[in-house]
Amino acid sequence: MKCREGCGACCIAPSISSPIPGMPDGKAAGQRCLQLSAENLCRIFGQPDRPAVCSAFDADPEVCGNSSEEAIRLIGWWEQMTAA
C-alpha cells in the first residue's frame, strides 16, 4: 500500500519517544507533530533529523484502513494495544 498523500494519521495518532525537531522529548499519542504541515505533509521527510521510527513506517491496510479518519482510529487502537 502507498501512503495517502495528505493523510497525516501516522504523524498524529502514535506516540513517538525519539526527538523530533521542535519536539525534543518526542510526542504523545494523539498529539499533532510540529513537523506536520497544514496540508498534512511531513516537513522533514527524507531529512537526516527525521526520527527513524517515522522513516521505518510502512503504510498497510491493517494499520491505515481506507481513509485518514480510519487510520487515526486504527493507529490509536494499535497504540493502546502495544502501550507498556
N, C-alpha and C. Protein backbone atom coordinates (compact mmCIF):
# COMPACT_ATOMS: atom_id res chain seq x y z
N MET A 1 0.85 -1.18 0.00
CA MET A 1 0.00 0.00 0.00
C MET A 1 0.89 1.24 0.00
N LYS A 2 0.50 2.24 -0.76
CA LYS A 2 1.19 3.52 -0.72
C LYS A 2 0.49 4.44 0.27
N CYS A 3 1.24 5.32 0.90
CA CYS A 3 0.63 6.30 1.79
C CYS A 3 -0.36 7.17 1.03
N ARG A 4 -1.43 7.55 1.71
CA ARG A 4 -2.36 8.51 1.13
C ARG A 4 -1.79 9.90 1.38
N GLU A 5 -1.42 10.59 0.33
CA GLU A 5 -0.84 11.92 0.49
C GLU A 5 -1.84 12.82 1.20
N GLY A 6 -1.34 13.51 2.22
CA GLY A 6 -2.19 14.41 2.99
C GLY A 6 -2.97 13.73 4.10
N CYS A 7 -2.67 12.47 4.40
CA CYS A 7 -3.38 11.74 5.46
C CYS A 7 -2.91 12.25 6.83
N GLY A 8 -1.63 12.08 7.12
CA GLY A 8 -1.06 12.57 8.37
C GLY A 8 -1.36 11.77 9.62
N ALA A 9 -2.14 10.70 9.51
CA ALA A 9 -2.52 9.93 10.69
C ALA A 9 -1.31 9.40 11.46
N CYS A 10 -0.28 8.96 10.74
CA CYS A 10 0.90 8.41 11.40
C CYS A 10 1.73 9.49 12.09
N CYS A 11 1.41 10.75 11.83
CA CYS A 11 2.08 11.87 12.47
C CYS A 11 1.25 12.46 13.61
N ILE A 12 0.09 11.87 13.84
CA ILE A 12 -0.82 12.35 14.89
C ILE A 12 -1.10 11.25 15.91
N ALA A 13 -1.56 10.10 15.45
CA ALA A 13 -2.08 9.07 16.35
C ALA A 13 -1.05 8.41 17.26
N PRO A 14 0.13 8.02 16.76
CA PRO A 14 1.04 7.28 17.65
C PRO A 14 1.90 8.21 18.52
N SER A 15 2.37 7.65 19.63
CA SER A 15 3.39 8.35 20.41
C SER A 15 4.72 8.13 19.70
N ILE A 16 5.60 9.08 19.83
CA ILE A 16 6.96 8.96 19.28
C ILE A 16 7.90 9.38 20.40
N SER A 17 8.72 8.45 20.85
CA SER A 17 9.58 8.73 22.02
C SER A 17 10.91 9.35 21.64
N SER A 18 11.30 9.28 20.40
CA SER A 18 12.58 9.86 20.00
C SER A 18 12.40 11.34 19.67
N PRO A 19 13.49 12.11 19.76
CA PRO A 19 13.40 13.54 19.49
C PRO A 19 12.97 13.83 18.05
N ILE A 20 12.19 14.87 17.91
CA ILE A 20 11.73 15.39 16.63
C ILE A 20 12.14 16.86 16.62
N PRO A 21 12.62 17.41 15.52
CA PRO A 21 12.94 18.84 15.52
C PRO A 21 11.76 19.68 16.04
N GLY A 22 12.03 20.45 17.07
CA GLY A 22 11.00 21.25 17.72
C GLY A 22 10.26 20.53 18.83
N MET A 23 10.50 19.23 18.96
CA MET A 23 9.87 18.41 19.99
C MET A 23 10.95 17.48 20.57
N PRO A 24 11.85 18.01 21.39
CA PRO A 24 13.00 17.23 21.86
C PRO A 24 12.64 15.99 22.67
N ASP A 25 11.44 15.95 23.24
CA ASP A 25 11.02 14.79 24.02
C ASP A 25 10.07 13.89 23.24
N GLY A 26 9.99 14.09 21.93
CA GLY A 26 9.05 13.33 21.13
C GLY A 26 7.65 13.89 21.27
N LYS A 27 6.65 13.04 21.06
CA LYS A 27 5.27 13.50 21.18
C LYS A 27 4.39 12.41 21.74
N ALA A 28 3.31 12.82 22.36
CA ALA A 28 2.34 11.90 22.94
C ALA A 28 1.37 11.40 21.86
N ALA A 29 0.77 10.26 22.10
CA ALA A 29 -0.26 9.74 21.19
C ALA A 29 -1.39 10.76 21.08
N GLY A 30 -1.84 10.99 19.87
CA GLY A 30 -2.91 11.94 19.62
C GLY A 30 -2.46 13.38 19.46
N GLN A 31 -1.20 13.65 19.74
CA GLN A 31 -0.65 15.00 19.58
C GLN A 31 -0.13 15.16 18.16
N ARG A 32 -0.46 16.26 17.53
CA ARG A 32 0.00 16.53 16.17
C ARG A 32 1.49 16.87 16.20
N CYS A 33 2.26 16.24 15.33
CA CYS A 33 3.69 16.54 15.23
C CYS A 33 3.87 17.96 14.71
N LEU A 34 4.81 18.68 15.29
CA LEU A 34 5.08 20.05 14.83
C LEU A 34 5.60 20.10 13.40
N GLN A 35 6.13 18.98 12.92
CA GLN A 35 6.67 18.94 11.56
C GLN A 35 5.61 18.56 10.52
N LEU A 36 4.37 18.41 10.94
CA LEU A 36 3.29 18.10 10.01
C LEU A 36 2.68 19.42 9.53
N SER A 37 2.72 19.62 8.22
CA SER A 37 2.23 20.89 7.64
C SER A 37 0.70 20.96 7.69
N ALA A 38 0.16 22.11 7.36
CA ALA A 38 -1.28 22.30 7.30
C ALA A 38 -1.90 21.37 6.26
N GLU A 39 -1.11 20.97 5.28
CA GLU A 39 -1.57 20.05 4.24
C GLU A 39 -1.37 18.59 4.65
N ASN A 40 -0.97 18.37 5.90
CA ASN A 40 -0.68 17.03 6.44
C ASN A 40 0.45 16.33 5.69
N LEU A 41 1.49 17.07 5.40
CA LEU A 41 2.70 16.53 4.79
C LEU A 41 3.86 16.75 5.75
N CYS A 42 4.78 15.80 5.79
CA CYS A 42 5.93 15.89 6.69
C CYS A 42 6.94 16.90 6.14
N ARG A 43 7.26 17.90 6.95
CA ARG A 43 8.22 18.93 6.55
C ARG A 43 9.66 18.41 6.53
N ILE A 44 9.92 17.30 7.23
CA ILE A 44 11.29 16.79 7.32
C ILE A 44 11.43 15.44 6.63
N PHE A 45 10.49 15.10 5.76
CA PHE A 45 10.55 13.84 5.02
C PHE A 45 11.88 13.75 4.26
N GLY A 46 12.59 12.65 4.42
CA GLY A 46 13.87 12.44 3.75
C GLY A 46 15.05 13.15 4.38
N GLN A 47 14.82 13.89 5.47
CA GLN A 47 15.90 14.61 6.13
C GLN A 47 16.54 13.72 7.20
N PRO A 48 17.82 13.94 7.49
CA PRO A 48 18.51 13.08 8.46
C PRO A 48 17.98 13.24 9.89
N ASP A 49 17.33 14.36 10.22
CA ASP A 49 16.83 14.53 11.58
C ASP A 49 15.40 14.00 11.77
N ARG A 50 14.86 13.37 10.74
CA ARG A 50 13.55 12.71 10.86
C ARG A 50 13.75 11.45 11.70
N PRO A 51 12.91 11.22 12.71
CA PRO A 51 13.08 10.04 13.56
C PRO A 51 13.07 8.73 12.75
N ALA A 52 13.90 7.80 13.17
CA ALA A 52 13.99 6.51 12.49
C ALA A 52 12.65 5.78 12.48
N VAL A 53 11.88 5.91 13.55
CA VAL A 53 10.58 5.25 13.61
C VAL A 53 9.66 5.78 12.51
N CYS A 54 9.78 7.04 12.17
CA CYS A 54 8.98 7.62 11.10
C CYS A 54 9.45 7.10 9.74
N SER A 55 10.74 7.08 9.55
CA SER A 55 11.29 6.59 8.29
C SER A 55 10.97 5.12 8.06
N ALA A 56 10.86 4.36 9.14
CA ALA A 56 10.62 2.93 9.02
C ALA A 56 9.15 2.57 8.84
N PHE A 57 8.26 3.52 9.05
CA PHE A 57 6.83 3.23 8.94
C PHE A 57 6.46 2.90 7.50
N ASP A 58 5.74 1.79 7.33
CA ASP A 58 5.22 1.40 6.02
C ASP A 58 3.71 1.36 6.10
N ALA A 59 3.07 2.05 5.19
CA ALA A 59 1.60 2.03 5.14
C ALA A 59 1.13 0.61 4.88
N ASP A 60 0.05 0.23 5.56
CA ASP A 60 -0.51 -1.10 5.42
C ASP A 60 -2.01 -0.98 5.68
N PRO A 61 -2.83 -1.67 4.90
CA PRO A 61 -4.28 -1.57 5.11
C PRO A 61 -4.72 -1.92 6.54
N GLU A 62 -4.01 -2.83 7.19
CA GLU A 62 -4.36 -3.22 8.56
C GLU A 62 -4.17 -2.06 9.54
N VAL A 63 -3.24 -1.19 9.23
CA VAL A 63 -2.94 -0.05 10.10
C VAL A 63 -3.62 1.23 9.60
N CYS A 64 -3.70 1.38 8.29
CA CYS A 64 -4.16 2.64 7.70
C CYS A 64 -5.62 2.63 7.26
N GLY A 65 -6.22 1.46 7.15
CA GLY A 65 -7.61 1.39 6.74
C GLY A 65 -7.86 1.98 5.37
N ASN A 66 -9.05 2.54 5.19
CA ASN A 66 -9.48 3.06 3.90
C ASN A 66 -9.57 4.58 3.84
N SER A 67 -9.27 5.24 4.94
CA SER A 67 -9.36 6.71 4.97
C SER A 67 -8.45 7.25 6.08
N SER A 68 -8.23 8.53 6.06
CA SER A 68 -7.43 9.17 7.11
C SER A 68 -8.10 9.01 8.47
N GLU A 69 -9.41 9.15 8.50
CA GLU A 69 -10.15 9.02 9.76
C GLU A 69 -10.02 7.60 10.32
N GLU A 70 -10.14 6.62 9.43
CA GLU A 70 -9.99 5.24 9.87
C GLU A 70 -8.56 4.98 10.34
N ALA A 71 -7.59 5.56 9.67
CA ALA A 71 -6.18 5.40 10.07
C ALA A 71 -5.95 5.96 11.46
N ILE A 72 -6.53 7.12 11.77
CA ILE A 72 -6.40 7.69 13.12
C ILE A 72 -6.95 6.71 14.15
N ARG A 73 -8.12 6.14 13.88
CA ARG A 73 -8.73 5.18 14.82
C ARG A 73 -7.87 3.92 14.95
N LEU A 74 -7.44 3.36 13.81
CA LEU A 74 -6.67 2.11 13.85
C LEU A 74 -5.31 2.30 14.51
N ILE A 75 -4.60 3.35 14.14
CA ILE A 75 -3.28 3.59 14.74
C ILE A 75 -3.44 3.87 16.23
N GLY A 76 -4.50 4.59 16.59
CA GLY A 76 -4.77 4.84 18.01
C GLY A 76 -5.04 3.54 18.75
N TRP A 77 -5.79 2.63 18.12
CA TRP A 77 -6.05 1.32 18.72
C TRP A 77 -4.76 0.55 18.90
N TRP A 78 -3.92 0.48 17.85
CA TRP A 78 -2.62 -0.21 17.94
C TRP A 78 -1.77 0.41 19.04
N GLU A 79 -1.80 1.72 19.16
CA GLU A 79 -1.05 2.42 20.20
C GLU A 79 -1.49 1.92 21.59
N GLN A 80 -2.78 1.84 21.81
CA GLN A 80 -3.29 1.39 23.10
C GLN A 80 -2.96 -0.08 23.37
N MET A 81 -3.03 -0.91 22.35
CA MET A 81 -2.78 -2.34 22.50
C MET A 81 -1.32 -2.65 22.76
N THR A 82 -0.42 -1.77 22.33
CA THR A 82 1.01 -2.03 22.48
C THR A 82 1.66 -1.17 23.54
N ALA A 83 0.89 -0.33 24.22
CA ALA A 83 1.45 0.55 25.27
C ALA A 83 1.96 -0.29 26.42
N ALA A 84 3.08 0.14 26.93
CA ALA A 84 3.70 -0.61 28.04
C ALA A 84 2.98 -0.38 29.35
